[in-house]
Amino acid sequence: MAKACARHILVKTKEEAETIKRQLAGGADFASLAKKHSLCNSAKKGGDLGEFGPGKMLKAFDNVVFKKPVLTVHGPVKTKFGFHLIETIYRT
């Protein structure tokens, strides 16, 4: 079965997510921005969600982690929790 490791930054608004994405594109550190802005408990670990299989996350999240290119920041991705910026670290 496929497995992936990903990290994310969760914020309330699309605008906030886009602002953070621009900072990342400019070379800002993902983990630092996650610790500063993310509303998820994973913020303490720089947004790291660890390794998981398909179906463990919401569908919109899974679609990014298991289908989009790795080591690229995707989003904003809207879920019931807010807006995510998602980076897949690796996928098997």
PDB file of N, CA and C in Angstrom:
ATOM      1  N   MET A   1       0.836  -1.198   0.000  1.00  0.00           N
ATOM      2  CA  MET A   1       0.000   0.000   0.000  1.00  0.00           C
ATOM      3  C   MET A   1       0.875   1.254   0.000  1.00  0.00           C
ATOM      4  N   ALA A   2       0.408   2.265  -0.700  1.00  0.00           N
ATOM      5  CA  ALA A   2       1.139   3.531  -0.778  1.00  0.00           C
ATOM      6  C   ALA A   2       1.212   4.194   0.587  1.00  0.00           C
ATOM      7  N   LYS A   3       2.306   4.868   0.813  1.00  0.00           N
ATOM      8  CA  LYS A   3       2.477   5.679   2.017  1.00  0.00           C
ATOM      9  C   LYS A   3       3.080   7.002   1.578  1.00  0.00           C
ATOM     10  N   ALA A   4       2.825   8.028   2.375  1.00  0.00           N
ATOM     11  CA  ALA A   4       3.420   9.332   2.084  1.00  0.00           C
ATOM     12  C   ALA A   4       3.740  10.039   3.387  1.00  0.00           C
ATOM     13  N   CYS A   5       4.659  10.963   3.298  1.00  0.00           N
ATOM     14  CA  CYS A   5       4.995  11.834   4.417  1.00  0.00           C
ATOM     15  C   CYS A   5       4.765  13.255   3.914  1.00  0.00           C
ATOM     16  N   ALA A   6       4.027  14.034   4.702  1.00  0.00           N
ATOM     17  CA  ALA A   6       3.719  15.397   4.268  1.00  0.00           C
ATOM     18  C   ALA A   6       3.761  16.356   5.446  1.00  0.00           C
ATOM     19  N   ARG A   7       3.836  17.626   5.094  1.00  0.00           N
ATOM     20  CA  ARG A   7       3.717  18.673   6.100  1.00  0.00           C
ATOM     21  C   ARG A   7       2.777  19.730   5.545  1.00  0.00           C
ATOM     22  N   HIS A   8       2.160  20.474   6.449  1.00  0.00           N
ATOM     23  CA  HIS A   8       1.202  21.476   5.984  1.00  0.00           C
ATOM     24  C   HIS A   8       1.155  22.667   6.931  1.00  0.00           C
ATOM     25  N   ILE A   9       0.559  23.735   6.405  1.00  0.00           N
ATOM     26  CA  ILE A   9       0.260  24.925   7.195  1.00  0.00           C
ATOM     27  C   ILE A   9      -1.237  25.160   7.031  1.00  0.00           C
ATOM     28  N   LEU A  10      -1.951  25.221   8.135  1.00  0.00           N
ATOM     29  CA  LEU A  10      -3.404  25.414   8.125  1.00  0.00           C
ATOM     30  C   LEU A  10      -3.734  26.806   8.653  1.00  0.00           C
ATOM     31  N   VAL A  11      -4.476  27.574   7.842  1.00  0.00           N
ATOM     32  CA  VAL A  11      -4.905  28.916   8.255  1.00  0.00           C
ATOM     33  C   VAL A  11      -6.396  29.089   7.959  1.00  0.00           C
ATOM     34  N   LYS A  12      -6.974  30.164   8.486  1.00  0.00           N
ATOM     35  CA  LYS A  12      -8.415  30.382   8.349  1.00  0.00           C
ATOM     36  C   LYS A  12      -8.852  30.883   6.974  1.00  0.00           C
ATOM     37  N   THR A  13      -8.025  31.723   6.337  1.00  0.00           N
ATOM     38  CA  THR A  13      -8.465  32.359   5.090  1.00  0.00           C
ATOM     39  C   THR A  13      -7.570  32.018   3.907  1.00  0.00           C
ATOM     40  N   LYS A  14      -8.173  32.064   2.730  1.00  0.00           N
ATOM     41  CA  LYS A  14      -7.432  31.828   1.489  1.00  0.00           C
ATOM     42  C   LYS A  14      -6.354  32.905   1.314  1.00  0.00           C
ATOM     43  N   GLU A  15      -6.692  34.137   1.677  1.00  0.00           N
ATOM     44  CA  GLU A  15      -5.744  35.253   1.537  1.00  0.00           C
ATOM     45  C   GLU A  15      -4.494  35.016   2.385  1.00  0.00           C
ATOM     46  N   GLU A  16      -4.707  34.558   3.613  1.00  0.00           N
ATOM     47  CA  GLU A  16      -3.562  34.287   4.500  1.00  0.00           C
ATOM     48  C   GLU A  16      -2.693  33.169   3.911  1.00  0.00           C
ATOM     49  N   ALA A  17      -3.350  32.133   3.398  1.00  0.00           N
ATOM     50  CA  ALA A  17      -2.604  31.026   2.784  1.00  0.00           C
ATOM     51  C   ALA A  17      -1.790  31.513   1.591  1.00  0.00           C
ATOM     52  N   GLU A  18      -2.383  32.375   0.773  1.00  0.00           N
ATOM     53  CA  GLU A  18      -1.668  32.882  -0.409  1.00  0.00           C
ATOM     54  C   GLU A  18      -0.491  33.767  -0.012  1.00  0.00           C
ATOM     55  N   THR A  19      -0.652  34.548   1.057  1.00  0.00           N
ATOM     56  CA  THR A  19       0.446  35.389   1.556  1.00  0.00           C
ATOM     57  C   THR A  19       1.614  34.512   2.013  1.00  0.00           C
ATOM     58  N   ILE A  20       1.310  33.457   2.762  1.00  0.00           N
ATOM     59  CA  ILE A  20       2.352  32.546   3.250  1.00  0.00           C
ATOM     60  C   ILE A  20       3.004  31.813   2.074  1.00  0.00           C
ATOM     61  N   LYS A  21       2.198  31.428   1.094  1.00  0.00           N
ATOM     62  CA  LYS A  21       2.750  30.741  -0.081  1.00  0.00           C
ATOM     63  C   LYS A  21       3.745  31.641  -0.821  1.00  0.00           C
ATOM     64  N   ARG A  22       3.430  32.924  -0.903  1.00  0.00           N
ATOM     65  CA  ARG A  22       4.365  33.873  -1.544  1.00  0.00           C
ATOM     66  C   ARG A  22       5.664  33.964  -0.736  1.00  0.00           C
ATOM     67  N   GLN A  23       5.549  33.945   0.597  1.00  0.00           N
ATOM     68  CA  GLN A  23       6.757  33.979   1.446  1.00  0.00           C
ATOM     69  C   GLN A  23       7.605  32.730   1.205  1.00  0.00           C
ATOM     70  N   LEU A  24       6.945  31.577   1.089  1.00  0.00           N
ATOM     71  CA  LEU A  24       7.668  30.324   0.816  1.00  0.00           C
ATOM     72  C   LEU A  24       8.362  30.394  -0.539  1.00  0.00           C
ATOM     73  N   ALA A  25       7.666  30.926  -1.546  1.00  0.00           N
ATOM     74  CA  ALA A  25       8.241  31.052  -2.884  1.00  0.00           C
ATOM     75  C   ALA A  25       9.466  31.966  -2.860  1.00  0.00           C
ATOM     76  N   GLY A  26       9.457  32.916  -1.915  1.00  0.00           N
ATOM     77  CA  GLY A  26      10.583  33.838  -1.773  1.00  0.00           C
ATOM     78  C   GLY A  26      11.725  33.281  -0.946  1.00  0.00           C
ATOM     79  N   GLY A  27      11.591  32.022  -0.510  1.00  0.00           N
ATOM     80  CA  GLY A  27      12.680  31.373   0.205  1.00  0.00           C
ATOM     81  C   GLY A  27      12.491  31.239   1.709  1.00  0.00           C
ATOM     82  N   ALA A  28      11.321  31.618   2.221  1.00  0.00           N
ATOM     83  CA  ALA A  28      11.076  31.492   3.664  1.00  0.00           C
ATOM     84  C   ALA A  28      11.056  30.012   4.072  1.00  0.00           C
ATOM     85  N   ASP A  29      11.369  29.754   5.319  1.00  0.00           N
ATOM     86  CA  ASP A  29      11.434  28.378   5.836  1.00  0.00           C
ATOM     87  C   ASP A  29      10.033  27.856   6.185  1.00  0.00           C
ATOM     88  N   PHE A  30       9.682  26.711   5.607  1.00  0.00           N
ATOM     89  CA  PHE A  30       8.353  26.116   5.797  1.00  0.00           C
ATOM     90  C   PHE A  30       8.076  25.870   7.276  1.00  0.00           C
ATOM     91  N   ALA A  31       9.000  25.215   7.959  1.00  0.00           N
ATOM     92  CA  ALA A  31       8.788  24.855   9.367  1.00  0.00           C
ATOM     93  C   ALA A  31       8.590  26.097  10.238  1.00  0.00           C
ATOM     94  N   SER A  32       9.361  27.140   9.991  1.00  0.00           N
ATOM     95  CA  SER A  32       9.228  28.379  10.773  1.00  0.00           C
ATOM     96  C   SER A  32       7.858  29.009  10.569  1.00  0.00           C
ATOM     97  N   LEU A  33       7.403  29.043   9.309  1.00  0.00           N
ATOM     98  CA  LEU A  33       6.089  29.628   9.024  1.00  0.00           C
ATOM     99  C   LEU A  33       4.972  28.764   9.597  1.00  0.00           C
ATOM    100  N   ALA A  34       5.152  27.456   9.573  1.00  0.00           N
ATOM    101  CA  ALA A  34       4.143  26.557  10.160  1.00  0.00           C
ATOM    102  C   ALA A  34       4.029  26.814  11.661  1.00  0.00           C
ATOM    103  N   LYS A  35       5.172  26.916  12.338  1.00  0.00           N
ATOM    104  CA  LYS A  35       5.166  27.159  13.790  1.00  0.00           C
ATOM    105  C   LYS A  35       4.493  28.486  14.116  1.00  0.00           C
ATOM    106  N   LYS A  36       4.689  29.481  13.262  1.00  0.00           N
ATOM    107  CA  LYS A  36       4.178  30.821  13.513  1.00  0.00           C
ATOM    108  C   LYS A  36       2.689  30.960  13.179  1.00  0.00           C
ATOM    109  N   HIS A  37       2.234  30.317  12.087  1.00  0.00           N
ATOM    110  CA  HIS A  37       0.894  30.584  11.564  1.00  0.00           C
ATOM    111  C   HIS A  37      -0.100  29.431  11.628  1.00  0.00           C
ATOM    112  N   SER A  38       0.372  28.187  11.603  1.00  0.00           N
ATOM    113  CA  SER A  38      -0.558  27.065  11.441  1.00  0.00           C
ATOM    114  C   SER A  38      -1.459  26.865  12.653  1.00  0.00           C
ATOM    115  N   LEU A  39      -2.736  26.582  12.389  1.00  0.00           N
ATOM    116  CA  LEU A  39      -3.726  26.344  13.444  1.00  0.00           C
ATOM    117  C   LEU A  39      -3.767  24.872  13.861  1.00  0.00           C
ATOM    118  N   CYS A  40      -3.017  24.026  13.160  1.00  0.00           N
ATOM    119  CA  CYS A  40      -3.020  22.587  13.441  1.00  0.00           C
ATOM    120  C   CYS A  40      -2.040  22.268  14.574  1.00  0.00           C
ATOM    121  N   ASN A  41      -2.324  21.183  15.301  1.00  0.00           N
ATOM    122  CA  ASN A  41      -1.400  20.729  16.355  1.00  0.00           C
ATOM    123  C   ASN A  41      -0.020  20.409  15.801  1.00  0.00           C
ATOM    124  N   SER A  42       0.046  20.086  14.510  1.00  0.00           N
ATOM    125  CA  SER A  42       1.332  19.757  13.878  1.00  0.00           C
ATOM    126  C   SER A  42       2.250  20.978  13.797  1.00  0.00           C
ATOM    127  N   ALA A  43       1.734  22.159  14.086  1.00  0.00           N
ATOM    128  CA  ALA A  43       2.552  23.382  14.015  1.00  0.00           C
ATOM    129  C   ALA A  43       3.805  23.257  14.880  1.00  0.00           C
ATOM    130  N   LYS A  44       3.662  22.611  16.035  1.00  0.00           N
ATOM    131  CA  LYS A  44       4.803  22.446  16.955  1.00  0.00           C
ATOM    132  C   LYS A  44       5.957  21.706  16.288  1.00  0.00           C
ATOM    133  N   LYS A  45       5.612  20.830  15.319  1.00  0.00           N
ATOM    134  CA  LYS A  45       6.632  20.045  14.606  1.00  0.00           C
ATOM    135  C   LYS A  45       6.908  20.634  13.223  1.00  0.00           C
ATOM    136  N   GLY A  46       6.664  21.916  13.070  1.00  0.00           N
ATOM    137  CA  GLY A  46       6.918  22.567  11.794  1.00  0.00           C
ATOM    138  C   GLY A  46       5.948  22.136  10.715  1.00  0.00           C
ATOM    139  N   GLY A  47       4.759  21.676  11.129  1.00  0.00           N
ATOM    140  CA  GLY A  47       3.741  21.258  10.178  1.00  0.00           C
ATOM    141  C   GLY A  47       3.834  19.810   9.762  1.00  0.00           C
ATOM    142  N   ASP A  48       4.822  19.088  10.304  1.00  0.00           N
ATOM    143  CA  ASP A  48       5.062  17.689   9.918  1.00  0.00           C
ATOM    144  C   ASP A  48       3.923  16.778  10.382  1.00  0.00           C
ATOM    145  N   LEU A  49       3.330  16.071   9.436  1.00  0.00           N
ATOM    146  CA  LEU A  49       2.235  15.140   9.746  1.00  0.00           C
ATOM    147  C   LEU A  49       2.715  13.697   9.824  1.00  0.00           C
ATOM    148  N   GLY A  50       3.997  13.471   9.567  1.00  0.00           N
ATOM    149  CA  GLY A  50       4.520  12.108   9.592  1.00  0.00           C
ATOM    150  C   GLY A  50       4.066  11.309   8.391  1.00  0.00           C
ATOM    151  N   GLU A  51       4.188   9.986   8.513  1.00  0.00           N
ATOM    152  CA  GLU A  51       3.841   9.087   7.408  1.00  0.00           C
ATOM    153  C   GLU A  51       2.429   8.554   7.585  1.00  0.00           C
ATOM    154  N   PHE A  52       1.683   8.483   6.488  1.00  0.00           N
ATOM    155  CA  PHE A  52       0.316   7.964   6.531  1.00  0.00           C
ATOM    156  C   PHE A  52      -0.065   7.388   5.176  1.00  0.00           C
ATOM    157  N   GLY A  53      -1.122   6.591   5.172  1.00  0.00           N
ATOM    158  CA  GLY A  53      -1.617   5.981   3.945  1.00  0.00           C
ATOM    159  C   GLY A  53      -2.838   6.706   3.413  1.00  0.00           C
ATOM    160  N   PRO A  54      -3.275   6.347   2.201  1.00  0.00           N
ATOM    161  CA  PRO A  54      -4.462   6.970   1.625  1.00  0.00           C
ATOM    162  C   PRO A  54      -5.682   6.730   2.517  1.00  0.00           C
ATOM    163  N   GLY A  55      -6.567   7.721   2.567  1.00  0.00           N
ATOM    164  CA  GLY A  55      -7.796   7.575   3.330  1.00  0.00           C
ATOM    165  C   GLY A  55      -7.707   8.030   4.775  1.00  0.00           C
ATOM    166  N   LYS A  56      -6.503   8.363   5.233  1.00  0.00           N
ATOM    167  CA  LYS A  56      -6.335   8.824   6.624  1.00  0.00           C
ATOM    168  C   LYS A  56      -6.662  10.310   6.749  1.00  0.00           C
ATOM    169  N   MET A  57      -6.516  11.036   5.658  1.00  0.00           N
ATOM    170  CA  MET A  57      -6.780  12.475   5.648  1.00  0.00           C
ATOM    171  C   MET A  57      -8.048  12.733   4.830  1.00  0.00           C
ATOM    172  N   LEU A  58      -8.507  13.972   4.845  1.00  0.00           N
ATOM    173  CA  LEU A  58      -9.661  14.343   4.029  1.00  0.00           C
ATOM    174  C   LEU A  58      -9.331  14.164   2.548  1.00  0.00           C
ATOM    175  N   LYS A  59     -10.355  13.916   1.759  1.00  0.00           N
ATOM    176  CA  LYS A  59     -10.160  13.625   0.332  1.00  0.00           C
ATOM    177  C   LYS A  59      -9.366  14.713  -0.393  1.00  0.00           C
ATOM    178  N   ALA A  60      -9.695  15.971  -0.162  1.00  0.00           N
ATOM    179  CA  ALA A  60      -8.993  17.071  -0.840  1.00  0.00           C
ATOM    180  C   ALA A  60      -7.501  17.054  -0.496  1.00  0.00           C
ATOM    181  N   PHE A  61      -7.206  16.661   0.743  1.00  0.00           N
ATOM    182  CA  PHE A  61      -5.824  16.582   1.225  1.00  0.00           C
ATOM    183  C   PHE A  61      -5.118  15.404   0.561  1.00  0.00           C
ATOM    184  N   ASP A  62      -5.777  14.240   0.581  1.00  0.00           N
ATOM    185  CA  ASP A  62      -5.232  13.029  -0.060  1.00  0.00           C
ATOM    186  C   ASP A  62      -4.932  13.253  -1.534  1.00  0.00           C
ATOM    187  N   ASN A  63      -5.820  13.977  -2.221  1.00  0.00           N
ATOM    188  CA  ASN A  63      -5.626  14.214  -3.657  1.00  0.00           C
ATOM    189  C   ASN A  63      -4.310  14.923  -3.930  1.00  0.00           C
ATOM    190  N   VAL A  64      -3.928  15.823  -3.062  1.00  0.00           N
ATOM    191  CA  VAL A  64      -2.654  16.519  -3.215  1.00  0.00           C
ATOM    192  C   VAL A  64      -1.499  15.586  -2.871  1.00  0.00           C
ATOM    193  N   VAL A  65      -1.592  14.959  -1.698  1.00  0.00           N
ATOM    194  CA  VAL A  65      -0.472  14.158  -1.195  1.00  0.00           C
ATOM    195  C   VAL A  65      -0.164  12.951  -2.090  1.00  0.00           C
ATOM    196  N   PHE A  66      -1.203  12.316  -2.626  1.00  0.00           N
ATOM    197  CA  PHE A  66      -0.974  11.093  -3.389  1.00  0.00           C
ATOM    198  C   PHE A  66      -0.998  11.265  -4.908  1.00  0.00           C
ATOM    199  N   LYS A  67      -1.312  12.477  -5.394  1.00  0.00           N
ATOM    200  CA  LYS A  67      -1.400  12.660  -6.842  1.00  0.00           C
ATOM    201  C   LYS A  67      -0.529  13.783  -7.399  1.00  0.00           C
ATOM    202  N   LYS A  68      -0.206  14.773  -6.604  1.00  0.00           N
ATOM    203  CA  LYS A  68       0.550  15.936  -7.096  1.00  0.00           C
ATOM    204  C   LYS A  68       2.054  15.726  -6.889  1.00  0.00           C
ATOM    205  N   PRO A  69       2.871  16.512  -7.596  1.00  0.00           N
ATOM    206  CA  PRO A  69       4.336  16.364  -7.473  1.00  0.00           C
ATOM    207  C   PRO A  69       4.827  16.550  -6.027  1.00  0.00           C
ATOM    208  N   VAL A  70       5.840  15.770  -5.647  1.00  0.00           N
ATOM    209  CA  VAL A  70       6.415  15.884  -4.310  1.00  0.00           C
ATOM    210  C   VAL A  70       7.379  17.075  -4.248  1.00  0.00           C
ATOM    211  N   LEU A  71       7.676  17.499  -3.024  1.00  0.00           N
ATOM    212  CA  LEU A  71       8.594  18.607  -2.743  1.00  0.00           C
ATOM    213  C   LEU A  71       8.182  19.907  -3.430  1.00  0.00           C
ATOM    214  N   THR A  72       6.876  20.079  -3.598  1.00  0.00           N
ATOM    215  CA  THR A  72       6.290  21.307  -4.145  1.00  0.00           C
ATOM    216  C   THR A  72       5.177  21.715  -3.192  1.00  0.00           C
ATOM    217  N   VAL A  73       5.076  22.990  -2.890  1.00  0.00           N
ATOM    218  CA  VAL A  73       4.007  23.459  -2.007  1.00  0.00           C
ATOM    219  C   VAL A  73       2.742  23.674  -2.837  1.00  0.00           C
ATOM    220  N   HIS A  74       1.687  22.953  -2.491  1.00  0.00           N
ATOM    221  CA  HIS A  74       0.409  23.047  -3.197  1.00  0.00           C
ATOM    222  C   HIS A  74      -0.615  23.752  -2.324  1.00  0.00           C
ATOM    223  N   GLY A  75      -1.530  24.434  -2.978  1.00  0.00           N
ATOM    224  CA  GLY A  75      -2.606  25.082  -2.247  1.00  0.00           C
ATOM    225  C   GLY A  75      -2.724  26.533  -2.623  1.00  0.00           C
ATOM    226  N   PRO A  76      -3.630  27.229  -1.966  1.00  0.00           N
ATOM    227  CA  PRO A  76      -4.457  26.807  -0.838  1.00  0.00           C
ATOM    228  C   PRO A  76      -5.460  25.709  -1.211  1.00  0.00           C
ATOM    229  N   VAL A  77      -5.554  24.701  -0.341  1.00  0.00           N
ATOM    230  CA  VAL A  77      -6.512  23.611  -0.484  1.00  0.00           C
ATOM    231  C   VAL A  77      -7.552  23.783   0.620  1.00  0.00           C
ATOM    232  N   LYS A  78      -8.818  23.918   0.223  1.00  0.00           N
ATOM    233  CA  LYS A  78      -9.883  24.173   1.205  1.00  0.00           C
ATOM    234  C   LYS A  78     -10.435  22.862   1.754  1.00  0.00           C
ATOM    235  N   THR A  79     -10.548  22.795   3.078  1.00  0.00           N
ATOM    236  CA  THR A  79     -11.236  21.681   3.751  1.00  0.00           C
ATOM    237  C   THR A  79     -12.147  22.298   4.807  1.00  0.00           C
ATOM    238  N   LYS A  80     -12.840  21.441   5.534  1.00  0.00           N
ATOM    239  CA  LYS A  80     -13.720  21.950   6.605  1.00  0.00           C
ATOM    240  C   LYS A  80     -12.934  22.627   7.726  1.00  0.00           C
ATOM    241  N   PHE A  81     -11.626  22.405   7.768  1.00  0.00           N
ATOM    242  CA  PHE A  81     -10.787  22.990   8.817  1.00  0.00           C
ATOM    243  C   PHE A  81     -10.259  24.372   8.452  1.00  0.00           C
ATOM    244  N   GLY A  82     -10.231  24.683   7.162  1.00  0.00           N
ATOM    245  CA  GLY A  82      -9.676  25.955   6.700  1.00  0.00           C
ATOM    246  C   GLY A  82      -8.933  25.755   5.396  1.00  0.00           C
ATOM    247  N   PHE A  83      -7.853  26.520   5.223  1.00  0.00           N
ATOM    248  CA  PHE A  83      -7.066  26.458   3.994  1.00  0.00           C
ATOM    249  C   PHE A  83      -5.667  25.930   4.314  1.00  0.00           C
ATOM    250  N   HIS A  84      -5.250  24.931   3.537  1.00  0.00           N
ATOM    251  CA  HIS A  84      -3.966  24.276   3.761  1.00  0.00           C
ATOM    252  C   HIS A  84      -2.983  24.610   2.648  1.00  0.00           C
ATOM    253  N   LEU A  85      -1.727  24.742   3.038  1.00  0.00           N
ATOM    254  CA  LEU A  85      -0.610  24.671   2.098  1.00  0.00           C
ATOM    255  C   LEU A  85       0.036  23.337   2.409  1.00  0.00           C
ATOM    256  N   ILE A  86       0.184  22.500   1.402  1.00  0.00           N
ATOM    257  CA  ILE A  86       0.616  21.125   1.620  1.00  0.00           C
ATOM    258  C   ILE A  86       1.871  20.837   0.809  1.00  0.00           C
ATOM    259  N   GLU A  87       2.853  20.223   1.462  1.00  0.00           N
ATOM    260  CA  GLU A  87       4.058  19.774   0.774  1.00  0.00           C
ATOM    261  C   GLU A  87       4.265  18.311   1.091  1.00  0.00           C
ATOM    262  N   THR A  88       4.286  17.477   0.056  1.00  0.00           N
ATOM    263  CA  THR A  88       4.574  16.056   0.226  1.00  0.00           C
ATOM    264  C   THR A  88       6.089  15.895   0.217  1.00  0.00           C
ATOM    265  N   ILE A  89       6.621  15.291   1.269  1.00  0.00           N
ATOM    266  CA  ILE A  89       8.062  15.091   1.392  1.00  0.00           C
ATOM    267  C   ILE A  89       8.512  13.883   0.573  1.00  0.00           C
ATOM    268  N   TYR A  90       7.784  12.779   0.714  1.00  0.00           N
ATOM    269  CA  TYR A  90       8.041  11.594  -0.104  1.00  0.00           C
ATOM    270  C   TYR A  90       6.787  10.765  -0.211  1.00  0.00           C
ATOM    271  N   ARG A  91       6.798   9.871  -1.188  1.00  0.00           N
ATOM    272  CA  ARG A  91       5.666   8.982  -1.413  1.00  0.00           C
ATOM    273  C   ARG A  91       6.209   7.664  -1.915  1.00  0.00           C
ATOM    274  N   THR A  92       5.655   6.543  -1.411  1.00  0.00           N
ATOM    275  CA  THR A  92       6.140   5.234  -1.848  1.00  0.00           C
ATOM    276  C   THR A  92       5.102   4.572  -2.732  1.00  0.00           C
TER     277      THR A  92
END
